[in-house]
């Protein structure tokens, strides 16, 4: 790596001054930088596989969890010196190679992909430090463990009762607007159209995702107050549920509009990137709540006392 680094540095020096100032200097090939490069490539590969396996709705969550794992070790990067033990090298190396080989053959949705992220994090930890120092990587590993936890939570949520509950809330929003709405089990009907709250629309994914994001926030930006923690954990599914029910209410309205307009709007907010807009709104609202509670714990800066008038 040393000769390659020197060649790249010489190549950078030959570039024009404006381009050279824009490009960052190539860091030296220390064990710290090489481990960070390896970790970044593993994270990128893991997130890319979610996309290539036609699991786009989970790609953003994987990016958030890998980013949360990085934030959890950010304060350790200054004195970060990987020193793995022999046991870590013997176990971590084949484990990481197996994870990379297993993800390389995935072309469609496979539940094992959710387990490979924490296994990759475990392998990277084994290649970084001896077992007695694993506590330093506890929070990053917990972040990555949220991927299989998210999948399990989505499978355990009761689909039937949740869909019926969502349909009633959607009917409530539409009745507030003064619309003639009829709720029949999962069906929400308006004059001229109706929607059926199915398994893919009841919001279990966005509820699970926001719960995972709330745990990442608590690990990366800890809050001391137990009351605030309970509020934040409780608020996550509530905000996700409200965001999803507003989206379904809009879909019901679109079905009652003229087909030329309503059909395109319905497909955008149901099948295309429009559904991600409401997920982003939910995360944004939750972030505002979290930052507000976090700022309440921060000590205010004391302004210097004004000078006495002479």
C-alpha atoms as a PDB file:
ATOM      1  CA  UNK A   1       0.000   0.000   0.000  1.00  0.00           C
ATOM      2  CA  UNK A   2       2.904   2.375   0.661  1.00  0.00           C
ATOM      3  CA  UNK A   3       4.214   2.475  -2.967  1.00  0.00           C
ATOM      4  CA  UNK A   4       0.665   2.832  -4.302  1.00  0.00           C
ATOM      5  CA  UNK A   5       0.001   5.698  -1.907  1.00  0.00           C
ATOM      6  CA  UNK A   6       3.169   7.487  -3.019  1.00  0.00           C
ATOM      7  CA  UNK A   7       2.285   7.053  -6.695  1.00  0.00           C
ATOM      8  CA  UNK A   8      -1.179   8.472  -6.119  1.00  0.00           C
ATOM      9  CA  UNK A   9       0.287  11.397  -4.201  1.00  0.00           C
ATOM     10  CA  UNK A  10       2.729  12.156  -7.061  1.00  0.00           C
ATOM     11  CA  UNK A  11      -0.139  11.931  -9.532  1.00  0.00           C
ATOM     12  CA  UNK A  12      -2.113  14.417  -7.454  1.00  0.00           C
ATOM     13  CA  UNK A  13       0.806  16.841  -7.435  1.00  0.00           C
ATOM     14  CA  UNK A  14       0.840  16.882 -11.252  1.00  0.00           C
ATOM     15  CA  UNK A  15      -2.760  18.066 -11.427  1.00  0.00           C
ATOM     16  CA  UNK A  16      -3.609  21.744 -12.042  1.00  0.00           C
ATOM     17  CA  UNK A  17      -3.666  23.872  -8.895  1.00  0.00           C
ATOM     18  CA  UNK A  18      -7.474  24.444  -8.849  1.00  0.00           C
ATOM     19  CA  UNK A  19      -8.170  20.721  -9.192  1.00  0.00           C
ATOM     20  CA  UNK A  20      -5.424  19.826  -6.680  1.00  0.00           C
ATOM     21  CA  UNK A  21      -6.913  22.182  -4.073  1.00  0.00           C
ATOM     22  CA  UNK A  22     -10.326  20.601  -4.583  1.00  0.00           C
ATOM     23  CA  UNK A  23      -9.073  17.025  -4.146  1.00  0.00           C
ATOM     24  CA  UNK A  24      -8.280  16.018  -0.555  1.00  0.00           C
ATOM     25  CA  UNK A  25      -4.813  14.802   0.302  1.00  0.00           C
ATOM     26  CA  UNK A  26      -4.413  11.030   0.186  1.00  0.00           C
ATOM     27  CA  UNK A  27      -4.115   9.771   3.771  1.00  0.00           C
ATOM     28  CA  UNK A  28      -1.170   7.524   4.640  1.00  0.00           C
ATOM     29  CA  UNK A  29      -1.799   3.753   4.648  1.00  0.00           C
ATOM     30  CA  UNK A  30      -1.834   3.359   8.434  1.00  0.00           C
ATOM     31  CA  UNK A  31      -3.686   0.486  10.111  1.00  0.00           C
ATOM     32  CA  UNK A  32      -6.319   2.982  11.238  1.00  0.00           C
ATOM     33  CA  UNK A  33      -6.956   4.322   7.734  1.00  0.00           C
ATOM     34  CA  UNK A  34      -6.915   0.875   6.153  1.00  0.00           C
ATOM     35  CA  UNK A  35      -9.450  -0.423   8.691  1.00  0.00           C
ATOM     36  CA  UNK A  36     -11.708   2.584   8.109  1.00  0.00           C
ATOM     37  CA  UNK A  37     -11.432   2.036   4.348  1.00  0.00           C
ATOM     38  CA  UNK A  38     -12.346  -1.629   4.772  1.00  0.00           C
ATOM     39  CA  UNK A  39     -15.298  -0.741   7.022  1.00  0.00           C
ATOM     40  CA  UNK A  40     -16.539   1.845   4.518  1.00  0.00           C
ATOM     41  CA  UNK A  41     -16.331  -0.603   1.619  1.00  0.00           C
ATOM     42  CA  UNK A  42     -18.164  -3.303   3.591  1.00  0.00           C
ATOM     43  CA  UNK A  43     -20.930  -0.843   4.535  1.00  0.00           C
ATOM     44  CA  UNK A  44     -21.227   0.347   0.921  1.00  0.00           C
ATOM     45  CA  UNK A  45     -21.415  -3.222  -0.343  1.00  0.00           C
ATOM     46  CA  UNK A  46     -24.076  -4.143   2.210  1.00  0.00           C
ATOM     47  CA  UNK A  47     -26.264  -1.158   1.306  1.00  0.00           C
ATOM     48  CA  UNK A  48     -25.761  -1.759  -2.422  1.00  0.00           C
ATOM     49  CA  UNK A  49     -26.986  -5.334  -2.105  1.00  0.00           C
ATOM     50  CA  UNK A  50     -30.271  -4.106  -0.611  1.00  0.00           C
ATOM     51  CA  UNK A  51     -30.726  -2.027  -3.761  1.00  0.00           C
ATOM     52  CA  UNK A  52     -29.705  -4.718  -6.249  1.00  0.00           C
ATOM     53  CA  UNK A  53     -31.876  -7.286  -4.451  1.00  0.00           C
ATOM     54  CA  UNK A  54     -34.917  -5.097  -5.202  1.00  0.00           C
ATOM     55  CA  UNK A  55     -35.279  -4.053  -1.559  1.00  0.00           C
ATOM     56  CA  UNK A  56     -35.073  -0.290  -2.097  1.00  0.00           C
ATOM     57  CA  UNK A  57     -37.347   0.479   0.839  1.00  0.00           C
ATOM     58  CA  UNK A  58     -34.733  -1.042   3.164  1.00  0.00           C
ATOM     59  CA  UNK A  59     -31.709   0.595   1.542  1.00  0.00           C
ATOM     60  CA  UNK A  60     -32.259   3.912   3.337  1.00  0.00           C
ATOM     61  CA  UNK A  61     -32.628   2.130   6.678  1.00  0.00           C
ATOM     62  CA  UNK A  62     -29.363   0.252   6.102  1.00  0.00           C
ATOM     63  CA  UNK A  63     -27.608   3.554   5.309  1.00  0.00           C
ATOM     64  CA  UNK A  64     -28.999   5.111   8.499  1.00  0.00           C
ATOM     65  CA  UNK A  65     -27.893   2.179  10.667  1.00  0.00           C
ATOM     66  CA  UNK A  66     -24.372   2.049   9.193  1.00  0.00           C
ATOM     67  CA  UNK A  67     -24.161   5.825   9.600  1.00  0.00           C
ATOM     68  CA  UNK A  68     -25.333   5.516  13.201  1.00  0.00           C
ATOM     69  CA  UNK A  69     -22.646   2.905  13.848  1.00  0.00           C
ATOM     70  CA  UNK A  70     -20.017   5.335  12.543  1.00  0.00           C
ATOM     71  CA  UNK A  71     -21.336   8.168  14.719  1.00  0.00           C
ATOM     72  CA  UNK A  72     -21.142   5.905  17.776  1.00  0.00           C
ATOM     73  CA  UNK A  73     -17.371   5.470  17.311  1.00  0.00           C
ATOM     74  CA  UNK A  74     -16.670   8.978  16.040  1.00  0.00           C
ATOM     75  CA  UNK A  75     -15.315  10.173  19.399  1.00  0.00           C
ATOM     76  CA  UNK A  76     -12.803   7.293  19.386  1.00  0.00           C
ATOM     77  CA  UNK A  77     -11.288   8.013  15.965  1.00  0.00           C
ATOM     78  CA  UNK A  78      -8.533  10.361  17.186  1.00  0.00           C
ATOM     79  CA  UNK A  79      -6.751   7.678  19.241  1.00  0.00           C
ATOM     80  CA  UNK A  80      -8.109   4.796  17.171  1.00  0.00           C
ATOM     81  CA  UNK A  81      -5.385   2.163  16.623  1.00  0.00           C
ATOM     82  CA  UNK A  82      -6.573  -1.286  15.458  1.00  0.00           C
ATOM     83  CA  UNK A  83      -4.739  -4.027  17.348  1.00  0.00           C
ATOM     84  CA  UNK A  84      -6.618  -7.304  16.794  1.00  0.00           C
ATOM     85  CA  UNK A  85      -5.706 -10.436  18.691  1.00  0.00           C
ATOM     86  CA  UNK A  86      -4.867 -13.762  17.092  1.00  0.00           C
ATOM     87  CA  UNK A  87      -8.331 -15.130  17.897  1.00  0.00           C
ATOM     88  CA  UNK A  88      -9.944 -12.105  16.266  1.00  0.00           C
ATOM     89  CA  UNK A  89      -7.873 -12.553  13.106  1.00  0.00           C
ATOM     90  CA  UNK A  90      -8.622 -16.277  12.908  1.00  0.00           C
ATOM     91  CA  UNK A  91     -12.384 -15.777  13.382  1.00  0.00           C
ATOM     92  CA  UNK A  92     -12.964 -12.333  11.884  1.00  0.00           C
ATOM     93  CA  UNK A  93     -11.194 -12.892   8.557  1.00  0.00           C
ATOM     94  CA  UNK A  94     -13.146 -15.989   7.402  1.00  0.00           C
ATOM     95  CA  UNK A  95     -16.379 -14.515   8.800  1.00  0.00           C
ATOM     96  CA  UNK A  96     -15.960 -11.314   6.780  1.00  0.00           C
ATOM     97  CA  UNK A  97     -14.999 -13.249   3.642  1.00  0.00           C
ATOM     98  CA  UNK A  98     -18.097 -15.442   4.021  1.00  0.00           C
ATOM     99  CA  UNK A  99     -20.353 -12.396   4.471  1.00  0.00           C
ATOM    100  CA  UNK A 100     -18.930 -10.754   1.337  1.00  0.00           C
ATOM    101  CA  UNK A 101     -19.229 -13.985  -0.665  1.00  0.00           C
ATOM    102  CA  UNK A 102     -22.805 -14.577   0.532  1.00  0.00           C
ATOM    103  CA  UNK A 103     -23.991 -11.092  -0.394  1.00  0.00           C
ATOM    104  CA  UNK A 104     -22.292 -11.298  -3.792  1.00  0.00           C
ATOM    105  CA  UNK A 105     -24.707 -13.995  -4.981  1.00  0.00           C
ATOM    106  CA  UNK A 106     -27.944 -12.263  -3.892  1.00  0.00           C
ATOM    107  CA  UNK A 107     -30.176 -11.098  -6.740  1.00  0.00           C
ATOM    108  CA  UNK A 108     -33.573 -11.073  -4.999  1.00  0.00           C
ATOM    109  CA  UNK A 109     -35.066 -10.548  -1.566  1.00  0.00           C
ATOM    110  CA  UNK A 110     -33.531 -12.812   1.063  1.00  0.00           C
ATOM    111  CA  UNK A 111     -34.132 -12.472   4.801  1.00  0.00           C
ATOM    112  CA  UNK A 112     -30.555 -13.538   5.561  1.00  0.00           C
ATOM    113  CA  UNK A 113     -29.383 -10.172   4.242  1.00  0.00           C
ATOM    114  CA  UNK A 114     -30.715  -8.549   7.412  1.00  0.00           C
ATOM    115  CA  UNK A 115     -28.444 -10.803   9.493  1.00  0.00           C
ATOM    116  CA  UNK A 116     -25.329 -10.216   7.371  1.00  0.00           C
ATOM    117  CA  UNK A 117     -24.979  -6.548   8.429  1.00  0.00           C
ATOM    118  CA  UNK A 118     -24.429  -7.284  12.153  1.00  0.00           C
ATOM    119  CA  UNK A 119     -22.219 -10.257  11.216  1.00  0.00           C
ATOM    120  CA  UNK A 120     -20.096  -7.924   9.074  1.00  0.00           C
ATOM    121  CA  UNK A 121     -19.915  -5.487  11.989  1.00  0.00           C
ATOM    122  CA  UNK A 122     -18.827  -8.309  14.289  1.00  0.00           C
ATOM    123  CA  UNK A 123     -16.123  -9.387  11.833  1.00  0.00           C
ATOM    124  CA  UNK A 124     -14.836  -5.813  11.542  1.00  0.00           C
ATOM    125  CA  UNK A 125     -14.725  -5.558  15.326  1.00  0.00           C
ATOM    126  CA  UNK A 126     -12.760  -8.816  15.587  1.00  0.00           C
ATOM    127  CA  UNK A 127     -10.291  -7.414  13.048  1.00  0.00           C
ATOM    128  CA  UNK A 128      -9.909  -4.250  15.091  1.00  0.00           C
ATOM    129  CA  UNK A 129      -9.375  -5.085  18.745  1.00  0.00           C
ATOM    130  CA  UNK A 130      -9.067  -7.997  21.184  1.00  0.00           C
ATOM    131  CA  UNK A 131     -12.141  -9.503  22.793  1.00  0.00           C
ATOM    132  CA  UNK A 132     -11.551  -7.777  26.146  1.00  0.00           C
ATOM    133  CA  UNK A 133     -12.144  -4.379  24.482  1.00  0.00           C
ATOM    134  CA  UNK A 134     -15.405  -5.299  22.742  1.00  0.00           C
ATOM    135  CA  UNK A 135     -17.325  -2.927  24.996  1.00  0.00           C
ATOM    136  CA  UNK A 136     -15.933  -0.026  22.950  1.00  0.00           C
ATOM    137  CA  UNK A 137     -17.910  -1.277  19.944  1.00  0.00           C
ATOM    138  CA  UNK A 138     -21.061  -2.153  21.860  1.00  0.00           C
ATOM    139  CA  UNK A 139     -23.196   0.714  20.519  1.00  0.00           C
ATOM    140  CA  UNK A 140     -22.145   0.304  16.843  1.00  0.00           C
ATOM    141  CA  UNK A 141     -22.953  -3.405  17.012  1.00  0.00           C
ATOM    142  CA  UNK A 142     -26.324  -2.619  18.582  1.00  0.00           C
ATOM    143  CA  UNK A 143     -27.046  -0.236  15.687  1.00  0.00           C
ATOM    144  CA  UNK A 144     -26.356  -2.950  13.127  1.00  0.00           C
ATOM    145  CA  UNK A 145     -28.340  -5.501  15.140  1.00  0.00           C
ATOM    146  CA  UNK A 146     -31.399  -3.316  14.553  1.00  0.00           C
ATOM    147  CA  UNK A 147     -31.609  -4.598  10.952  1.00  0.00           C
ATOM    148  CA  UNK A 148     -32.645  -8.153  11.901  1.00  0.00           C
ATOM    149  CA  UNK A 149     -34.656  -6.729  14.816  1.00  0.00           C
ATOM    150  CA  UNK A 150     -36.526  -4.524  12.329  1.00  0.00           C
ATOM    151  CA  UNK A 151     -37.322  -7.521  10.155  1.00  0.00           C
ATOM    152  CA  UNK A 152     -38.509  -9.582  13.127  1.00  0.00           C
ATOM    153  CA  UNK A 153     -40.636  -6.707  14.428  1.00  0.00           C
ATOM    154  CA  UNK A 154     -42.285  -6.338  11.038  1.00  0.00           C
ATOM    155  CA  UNK A 155     -43.130 -10.053  10.984  1.00  0.00           C
ATOM    156  CA  UNK A 156     -44.504 -10.024  14.550  1.00  0.00           C
ATOM    157  CA  UNK A 157     -46.772  -6.992  14.209  1.00  0.00           C
ATOM    158  CA  UNK A 158     -50.397  -8.216  13.933  1.00  0.00           C
ATOM    159  CA  UNK A 159     -51.308  -7.423  10.343  1.00  0.00           C
ATOM    160  CA  UNK A 160     -55.074  -7.824  10.618  1.00  0.00           C
ATOM    161  CA  UNK A 161     -55.794  -5.654  13.699  1.00  0.00           C
ATOM    162  CA  UNK A 162     -53.267  -3.049  12.547  1.00  0.00           C
ATOM    163  CA  UNK A 163     -54.944  -2.726   9.127  1.00  0.00           C
ATOM    164  CA  UNK A 164     -58.383  -2.356  10.712  1.00  0.00           C
ATOM    165  CA  UNK A 165     -57.046   0.279  13.109  1.00  0.00           C
ATOM    166  CA  UNK A 166     -55.373   2.213  10.289  1.00  0.00           C
ATOM    167  CA  UNK A 167     -58.591   2.175   8.250  1.00  0.00           C
ATOM    168  CA  UNK A 168     -60.538   3.699  11.154  1.00  0.00           C
ATOM    169  CA  UNK A 169     -57.982   6.484  11.612  1.00  0.00           C
ATOM    170  CA  UNK A 170     -58.052   7.224   7.875  1.00  0.00           C
ATOM    171  CA  UNK A 171     -61.833   7.470   8.048  1.00  0.00           C
ATOM    172  CA  UNK A 172     -61.481   9.857  10.979  1.00  0.00           C
ATOM    173  CA  UNK A 173     -59.167  12.200   8.996  1.00  0.00           C
ATOM    174  CA  UNK A 174     -61.547  12.210   6.031  1.00  0.00           C
ATOM    175  CA  UNK A 175     -64.577  12.894   8.236  1.00  0.00           C
ATOM    176  CA  UNK A 176     -62.762  15.905   9.738  1.00  0.00           C
ATOM    177  CA  UNK A 177     -62.510  17.297   6.198  1.00  0.00           C
ATOM    178  CA  UNK A 178     -66.289  16.970   5.895  1.00  0.00           C
ATOM    179  CA  UNK A 179     -66.161  14.196   3.301  1.00  0.00           C
ATOM    180  CA  UNK A 180     -68.818  11.488   3.069  1.00  0.00           C
ATOM    181  CA  UNK A 181     -66.649   8.538   4.097  1.00  0.00           C
ATOM    182  CA  UNK A 182     -67.696   4.968   4.845  1.00  0.00           C
ATOM    183  CA  UNK A 183     -65.317   2.564   6.618  1.00  0.00           C
ATOM    184  CA  UNK A 184     -66.086  -1.124   6.126  1.00  0.00           C
ATOM    185  CA  UNK A 185     -63.420  -3.258   7.813  1.00  0.00           C
ATOM    186  CA  UNK A 186     -60.270  -2.545   5.752  1.00  0.00           C
ATOM    187  CA  UNK A 187     -62.057  -0.566   3.054  1.00  0.00           C
ATOM    188  CA  UNK A 188     -62.284   3.232   3.177  1.00  0.00           C
ATOM    189  CA  UNK A 189     -64.806   4.459   0.618  1.00  0.00           C
ATOM    190  CA  UNK A 190     -65.618   7.909  -0.721  1.00  0.00           C
ATOM    191  CA  UNK A 191     -68.163   8.842  -3.403  1.00  0.00           C
ATOM    192  CA  UNK A 192     -66.432   7.842  -6.607  1.00  0.00           C
ATOM    193  CA  UNK A 193     -63.579   5.736  -5.176  1.00  0.00           C
ATOM    194  CA  UNK A 194     -62.176   3.662  -2.340  1.00  0.00           C
ATOM    195  CA  UNK A 195     -58.938   2.237  -0.949  1.00  0.00           C
ATOM    196  CA  UNK A 196     -58.253  -1.074   0.742  1.00  0.00           C
ATOM    197  CA  UNK A 197     -55.728  -1.040   3.588  1.00  0.00           C
ATOM    198  CA  UNK A 198     -53.663  -4.153   2.889  1.00  0.00           C
ATOM    199  CA  UNK A 199     -50.555  -5.686   4.373  1.00  0.00           C
ATOM    200  CA  UNK A 200     -48.213  -3.475   2.332  1.00  0.00           C
ATOM    201  CA  UNK A 201     -50.080  -0.255   3.184  1.00  0.00           C
ATOM    202  CA  UNK A 202     -50.796  -0.558   6.906  1.00  0.00           C
ATOM    203  CA  UNK A 203     -47.551   1.186   7.838  1.00  0.00           C
ATOM    204  CA  UNK A 204     -45.790  -1.617   9.688  1.00  0.00           C
ATOM    205  CA  UNK A 205     -42.581  -0.880   7.757  1.00  0.00           C
ATOM    206  CA  UNK A 206     -42.464   2.839   8.538  1.00  0.00           C
ATOM    207  CA  UNK A 207     -43.413   2.127  12.176  1.00  0.00           C
ATOM    208  CA  UNK A 208     -40.590  -0.401  12.502  1.00  0.00           C
ATOM    209  CA  UNK A 209     -38.144   1.893  10.696  1.00  0.00           C
ATOM    210  CA  UNK A 210     -38.872   4.896  12.910  1.00  0.00           C
ATOM    211  CA  UNK A 211     -38.516   2.761  16.047  1.00  0.00           C
ATOM    212  CA  UNK A 212     -35.094   1.629  14.791  1.00  0.00           C
ATOM    213  CA  UNK A 213     -34.130   5.226  14.003  1.00  0.00           C
ATOM    214  CA  UNK A 214     -35.185   6.301  17.492  1.00  0.00           C
ATOM    215  CA  UNK A 215     -32.882   3.660  19.014  1.00  0.00           C
ATOM    216  CA  UNK A 216     -30.025   4.876  16.798  1.00  0.00           C
ATOM    217  CA  UNK A 217     -30.609   8.433  17.999  1.00  0.00           C
ATOM    218  CA  UNK A 218     -30.564   7.297  21.625  1.00  0.00           C
ATOM    219  CA  UNK A 219     -27.300   5.417  21.088  1.00  0.00           C
ATOM    220  CA  UNK A 220     -25.564   8.123  19.056  1.00  0.00           C
ATOM    221  CA  UNK A 221     -26.881  11.154  20.974  1.00  0.00           C
ATOM    222  CA  UNK A 222     -27.715   9.892  24.479  1.00  0.00           C
ATOM    223  CA  UNK A 223     -30.365  11.587  26.598  1.00  0.00           C
ATOM    224  CA  UNK A 224     -30.039  11.288  30.373  1.00  0.00           C
ATOM    225  CA  UNK A 225     -33.677  11.740  31.345  1.00  0.00           C
ATOM    226  CA  UNK A 226     -35.634   8.502  31.527  1.00  0.00           C
ATOM    227  CA  UNK A 227     -38.870  10.425  30.979  1.00  0.00           C
ATOM    228  CA  UNK A 228     -37.505  11.871  27.738  1.00  0.00           C
ATOM    229  CA  UNK A 229     -36.391   8.417  26.609  1.00  0.00           C
ATOM    230  CA  UNK A 230     -39.849   6.962  27.217  1.00  0.00           C
ATOM    231  CA  UNK A 231     -41.438   9.886  25.371  1.00  0.00           C
ATOM    232  CA  UNK A 232     -39.118   9.412  22.389  1.00  0.00           C
ATOM    233  CA  UNK A 233     -39.596   5.648  22.153  1.00  0.00           C
ATOM    234  CA  UNK A 234     -43.371   6.079  22.455  1.00  0.00           C
ATOM    235  CA  UNK A 235     -43.509   8.954  19.981  1.00  0.00           C
ATOM    236  CA  UNK A 236     -41.755   7.019  17.197  1.00  0.00           C
ATOM    237  CA  UNK A 237     -44.619   4.630  16.314  1.00  0.00           C
ATOM    238  CA  UNK A 238     -47.229   7.353  16.891  1.00  0.00           C
ATOM    239  CA  UNK A 239     -45.555   9.785  14.458  1.00  0.00           C
ATOM    240  CA  UNK A 240     -45.071   6.995  11.902  1.00  0.00           C
ATOM    241  CA  UNK A 241     -48.709   5.946  12.217  1.00  0.00           C
ATOM    242  CA  UNK A 242     -49.999   9.512  11.794  1.00  0.00           C
ATOM    243  CA  UNK A 243     -47.803  10.086   8.736  1.00  0.00           C
ATOM    244  CA  UNK A 244     -48.959   6.876   7.068  1.00  0.00           C
ATOM    245  CA  UNK A 245     -52.655   7.451   7.774  1.00  0.00           C
ATOM    246  CA  UNK A 246     -52.469  10.941   6.225  1.00  0.00           C
ATOM    247  CA  UNK A 247     -50.891   9.371   3.119  1.00  0.00           C
ATOM    248  CA  UNK A 248     -53.672   6.765   2.851  1.00  0.00           C
ATOM    249  CA  UNK A 249     -56.301   9.470   3.340  1.00  0.00           C
ATOM    250  CA  UNK A 250     -54.805  11.337   0.380  1.00  0.00           C
ATOM    251  CA  UNK A 251     -54.841   8.124  -1.664  1.00  0.00           C
ATOM    252  CA  UNK A 252     -58.562   7.743  -0.914  1.00  0.00           C
ATOM    253  CA  UNK A 253     -59.160  11.304  -2.080  1.00  0.00           C
ATOM    254  CA  UNK A 254     -57.183  10.647  -5.280  1.00  0.00           C
ATOM    255  CA  UNK A 255     -59.401   7.664  -6.129  1.00  0.00           C
ATOM    256  CA  UNK A 256     -62.457   9.923  -6.046  1.00  0.00           C
ATOM    257  CA  UNK A 257     -60.927  12.487  -8.426  1.00  0.00           C
ATOM    258  CA  UNK A 258     -61.005  12.566 -12.205  1.00  0.00           C
ATOM    259  CA  UNK A 259     -59.110   9.497 -13.513  1.00  0.00           C
ATOM    260  CA  UNK A 260     -56.733  11.594 -15.618  1.00  0.00           C
ATOM    261  CA  UNK A 261     -55.404  13.365 -12.510  1.00  0.00           C
ATOM    262  CA  UNK A 262     -56.265  11.084  -9.630  1.00  0.00           C
ATOM    263  CA  UNK A 263     -54.749   7.929 -11.141  1.00  0.00           C
ATOM    264  CA  UNK A 264     -51.306   9.455 -11.683  1.00  0.00           C
ATOM    265  CA  UNK A 265     -51.287  11.011  -8.197  1.00  0.00           C
ATOM    266  CA  UNK A 266     -52.403   7.712  -6.679  1.00  0.00           C
ATOM    267  CA  UNK A 267     -49.612   5.730  -8.342  1.00  0.00           C
ATOM    268  CA  UNK A 268     -46.996   8.326  -7.402  1.00  0.00           C
ATOM    269  CA  UNK A 269     -47.864   8.353  -3.695  1.00  0.00           C
ATOM    270  CA  UNK A 270     -48.552   4.625  -3.556  1.00  0.00           C
ATOM    271  CA  UNK A 271     -45.948   2.955  -5.766  1.00  0.00           C
ATOM    272  CA  UNK A 272     -43.272   5.529  -6.585  1.00  0.00           C
ATOM    273  CA  UNK A 273     -41.034   7.846  -4.571  1.00  0.00           C
ATOM    274  CA  UNK A 274     -44.072   9.743  -3.244  1.00  0.00           C
ATOM    275  CA  UNK A 275     -44.429   7.201  -0.453  1.00  0.00           C
ATOM    276  CA  UNK A 276     -40.916   8.086   0.709  1.00  0.00           C
ATOM    277  CA  UNK A 277     -41.975  11.715   1.120  1.00  0.00           C
ATOM    278  CA  UNK A 278     -44.200  10.839   4.062  1.00  0.00           C
ATOM    279  CA  UNK A 279     -41.493   8.618   5.541  1.00  0.00           C
ATOM    280  CA  UNK A 280     -39.127  11.590   5.315  1.00  0.00           C
ATOM    281  CA  UNK A 281     -41.707  13.856   6.955  1.00  0.00           C
ATOM    282  CA  UNK A 282     -42.071  11.383   9.831  1.00  0.00           C
ATOM    283  CA  UNK A 283     -38.303  11.251  10.358  1.00  0.00           C
ATOM    284  CA  UNK A 284     -38.087  15.062  10.180  1.00  0.00           C
ATOM    285  CA  UNK A 285     -40.834  15.562  12.778  1.00  0.00           C
ATOM    286  CA  UNK A 286     -39.252  12.966  15.049  1.00  0.00           C
ATOM    287  CA  UNK A 287     -35.848  14.649  14.646  1.00  0.00           C
ATOM    288  CA  UNK A 288     -37.334  17.997  15.681  1.00  0.00           C
ATOM    289  CA  UNK A 289     -38.827  16.419  18.795  1.00  0.00           C
ATOM    290  CA  UNK A 290     -35.551  14.681  19.638  1.00  0.00           C
ATOM    291  CA  UNK A 291     -33.438  17.820  19.209  1.00  0.00           C
ATOM    292  CA  UNK A 292     -35.873  19.819  21.325  1.00  0.00           C
ATOM    293  CA  UNK A 293     -35.628  17.352  24.213  1.00  0.00           C
ATOM    294  CA  UNK A 294     -31.854  17.089  23.780  1.00  0.00           C
ATOM    295  CA  UNK A 295     -31.384  20.855  23.893  1.00  0.00           C
ATOM    296  CA  UNK A 296     -33.334  21.015  27.158  1.00  0.00           C
ATOM    297  CA  UNK A 297     -30.605  18.923  28.778  1.00  0.00           C
ATOM    298  CA  UNK A 298     -27.749  21.076  27.493  1.00  0.00           C
ATOM    299  CA  UNK A 299     -26.347  23.611  29.922  1.00  0.00           C
ATOM    300  CA  UNK A 300     -26.958  27.181  28.744  1.00  0.00           C
ATOM    301  CA  UNK A 301     -23.918  29.287  28.019  1.00  0.00           C
ATOM    302  CA  UNK A 302     -23.346  31.846  30.728  1.00  0.00           C
ATOM    303  CA  UNK A 303     -22.933  35.305  29.259  1.00  0.00           C
ATOM    304  CA  UNK A 304     -20.263  37.460  30.867  1.00  0.00           C
ATOM    305  CA  UNK A 305     -21.492  39.894  33.465  1.00  0.00           C
ATOM    306  CA  UNK A 306     -21.907  43.414  32.072  1.00  0.00           C
ATOM    307  CA  UNK A 307     -19.350  45.957  33.132  1.00  0.00           C
ATOM    308  CA  UNK A 308     -20.431  48.363  35.790  1.00  0.00           C
ATOM    309  CA  UNK A 309     -21.290  51.798  34.559  1.00  0.00           C
ATOM    310  CA  UNK A 310     -18.731  54.375  35.481  1.00  0.00           C
END
